[in-house]
Amino acid sequence: MSSSGFFAAALSLSGFDFTKHSISPDEIQGGGPPKDRIPAILDPQFIPAREATFLADDDELIGVVESGVAKAYPLRILTWHEVSMIAS
């Protein structure tokens, strides 16, 4: 199957209406890392805030306190690893 034929088949299975578009579907190309190539955070290392010299003063963090232990998760790092914080 050609790449355009594969793309057309994927569009039809998605359930979205792609009949109206400003860019021809034949011109759309994949990008970014391939599947499973973004490194997972399996064993995160925590350091004291004073040692986190890789952070800037204006970096955004998510703070969590559990059982009296506070931890901060830099959004820049979570975003790099494609960790999303979506409320359920």
C-alpha atoms as a PDB file:
ATOM      1  CA  MET A   1       0.000   0.000   0.000  1.00  0.00           C
ATOM      2  CA  SER A   2       1.357   3.437  -0.880  1.00  0.00           C
ATOM      3  CA  SER A   3       1.914   5.992   1.890  1.00  0.00           C
ATOM      4  CA  SER A   4      -0.997   8.078   0.576  1.00  0.00           C
ATOM      5  CA  GLY A   5      -3.220   4.975   0.498  1.00  0.00           C
ATOM      6  CA  PHE A   6      -2.203   4.121   4.056  1.00  0.00           C
ATOM      7  CA  PHE A   7      -2.917   7.706   5.131  1.00  0.00           C
ATOM      8  CA  ALA A   8      -6.346   7.637   3.486  1.00  0.00           C
ATOM      9  CA  ALA A   9      -7.174   4.340   5.220  1.00  0.00           C
ATOM     10  CA  ALA A  10      -6.055   5.740   8.588  1.00  0.00           C
ATOM     11  CA  LEU A  11      -8.220   8.826   8.063  1.00  0.00           C
ATOM     12  CA  SER A  12     -11.282   6.771   7.268  1.00  0.00           C
ATOM     13  CA  LEU A  13     -10.805   4.691  10.432  1.00  0.00           C
ATOM     14  CA  SER A  14     -10.315   7.741  12.675  1.00  0.00           C
ATOM     15  CA  GLY A  15     -13.944   8.827  12.552  1.00  0.00           C
ATOM     16  CA  PHE A  16     -12.981  12.434  11.781  1.00  0.00           C
ATOM     17  CA  ASP A  17     -14.179  14.372   8.744  1.00  0.00           C
ATOM     18  CA  PHE A  18     -11.068  15.327   6.790  1.00  0.00           C
ATOM     19  CA  THR A  19     -12.887  16.419   3.634  1.00  0.00           C
ATOM     20  CA  LYS A  20     -12.305  20.087   4.499  1.00  0.00           C
ATOM     21  CA  HIS A  21      -8.649  20.966   4.879  1.00  0.00           C
ATOM     22  CA  SER A  22      -6.191  23.695   3.975  1.00  0.00           C
ATOM     23  CA  ILE A  23      -3.284  21.310   3.344  1.00  0.00           C
ATOM     24  CA  SER A  24      -3.480  18.311   1.064  1.00  0.00           C
ATOM     25  CA  PRO A  25      -3.294  15.097   3.118  1.00  0.00           C
ATOM     26  CA  ASP A  26      -0.595  13.929   0.666  1.00  0.00           C
ATOM     27  CA  GLU A  27       1.666  16.715   1.991  1.00  0.00           C
ATOM     28  CA  ILE A  28       1.401  15.676   5.656  1.00  0.00           C
ATOM     29  CA  GLN A  29       4.449  13.856   6.958  1.00  0.00           C
ATOM     30  CA  GLY A  30       5.174  12.175  10.260  1.00  0.00           C
ATOM     31  CA  GLY A  31       7.609  13.830  12.599  1.00  0.00           C
ATOM     32  CA  GLY A  32       9.207  13.547  15.979  1.00  0.00           C
ATOM     33  CA  PRO A  33      10.650  10.434  17.507  1.00  0.00           C
ATOM     34  CA  PRO A  34       9.221   7.064  16.514  1.00  0.00           C
ATOM     35  CA  LYS A  35       6.985   5.086  18.872  1.00  0.00           C
ATOM     36  CA  ASP A  36       8.593   4.175  22.202  1.00  0.00           C
ATOM     37  CA  ARG A  37      11.660   6.364  21.594  1.00  0.00           C
ATOM     38  CA  ILE A  38      10.899   8.958  24.286  1.00  0.00           C
ATOM     39  CA  PRO A  39      12.800   7.914  27.402  1.00  0.00           C
ATOM     40  CA  ALA A  40      10.579   6.752  30.241  1.00  0.00           C
ATOM     41  CA  ILE A  41      11.092   7.994  33.795  1.00  0.00           C
ATOM     42  CA  LEU A  42      11.324   4.635  35.538  1.00  0.00           C
ATOM     43  CA  ASP A  43      13.545   5.459  38.511  1.00  0.00           C
ATOM     44  CA  PRO A  44      13.416   9.214  39.131  1.00  0.00           C
ATOM     45  CA  GLN A  45      16.236  10.670  41.186  1.00  0.00           C
ATOM     46  CA  PHE A  46      15.352  13.390  43.678  1.00  0.00           C
ATOM     47  CA  ILE A  47      17.833  15.959  44.944  1.00  0.00           C
ATOM     48  CA  PRO A  48      17.571  18.827  47.427  1.00  0.00           C
ATOM     49  CA  ALA A  49      16.267  22.044  45.846  1.00  0.00           C
ATOM     50  CA  ARG A  50      19.582  23.841  46.481  1.00  0.00           C
ATOM     51  CA  GLU A  51      21.330  21.259  44.263  1.00  0.00           C
ATOM     52  CA  ALA A  52      18.902  21.641  41.338  1.00  0.00           C
ATOM     53  CA  THR A  53      21.179  24.031  39.447  1.00  0.00           C
ATOM     54  CA  PHE A  54      19.650  22.924  36.130  1.00  0.00           C
ATOM     55  CA  LEU A  55      16.437  24.813  36.997  1.00  0.00           C
ATOM     56  CA  ALA A  56      15.847  28.493  36.262  1.00  0.00           C
ATOM     57  CA  ASP A  57      14.111  30.803  38.731  1.00  0.00           C
ATOM     58  CA  ASP A  58      11.064  31.003  36.451  1.00  0.00           C
ATOM     59  CA  ASP A  59      10.717  27.244  35.780  1.00  0.00           C
ATOM     60  CA  GLU A  60       7.246  25.974  36.626  1.00  0.00           C
ATOM     61  CA  LEU A  61       6.914  23.084  39.063  1.00  0.00           C
ATOM     62  CA  ILE A  62       4.228  20.773  40.326  1.00  0.00           C
ATOM     63  CA  GLY A  63       4.542  20.302  44.066  1.00  0.00           C
ATOM     64  CA  VAL A  64       3.339  17.227  45.915  1.00  0.00           C
ATOM     65  CA  VAL A  65       3.373  16.500  49.650  1.00  0.00           C
ATOM     66  CA  GLU A  66       2.752  12.931  50.722  1.00  0.00           C
ATOM     67  CA  SER A  67       3.213  11.648  54.266  1.00  0.00           C
ATOM     68  CA  GLY A  68       5.024  14.876  55.140  1.00  0.00           C
ATOM     69  CA  VAL A  69       7.546  14.518  52.296  1.00  0.00           C
ATOM     70  CA  ALA A  70       7.505  17.347  49.732  1.00  0.00           C
ATOM     71  CA  LYS A  71       8.682  16.816  46.149  1.00  0.00           C
ATOM     72  CA  ALA A  72       8.735  19.129  43.146  1.00  0.00           C
ATOM     73  CA  TYR A  73       8.353  17.971  39.560  1.00  0.00           C
ATOM     74  CA  PRO A  74       9.679  20.436  36.931  1.00  0.00           C
ATOM     75  CA  LEU A  75       7.169  20.808  34.095  1.00  0.00           C
ATOM     76  CA  ARG A  76      10.023  21.164  31.613  1.00  0.00           C
ATOM     77  CA  ILE A  77      11.232  17.659  32.456  1.00  0.00           C
ATOM     78  CA  LEU A  78       7.742  16.147  32.540  1.00  0.00           C
ATOM     79  CA  THR A  79       6.989  17.685  29.143  1.00  0.00           C
ATOM     80  CA  TRP A  80      10.243  16.349  27.658  1.00  0.00           C
ATOM     81  CA  HIS A  81       9.217  12.852  28.728  1.00  0.00           C
ATOM     82  CA  GLU A  82       5.616  13.465  27.579  1.00  0.00           C
ATOM     83  CA  VAL A  83       4.141  13.027  31.041  1.00  0.00           C
ATOM     84  CA  SER A  84       0.769  14.719  31.063  1.00  0.00           C
ATOM     85  CA  MET A  85      -0.961  15.869  34.200  1.00  0.00           C
ATOM     86  CA  ILE A  86      -4.617  15.535  33.281  1.00  0.00           C
ATOM     87  CA  ALA A  87      -7.164  15.483  36.059  1.00  0.00           C
ATOM     88  CA  SER A  88      -9.495  12.538  35.865  1.00  0.00           C
END
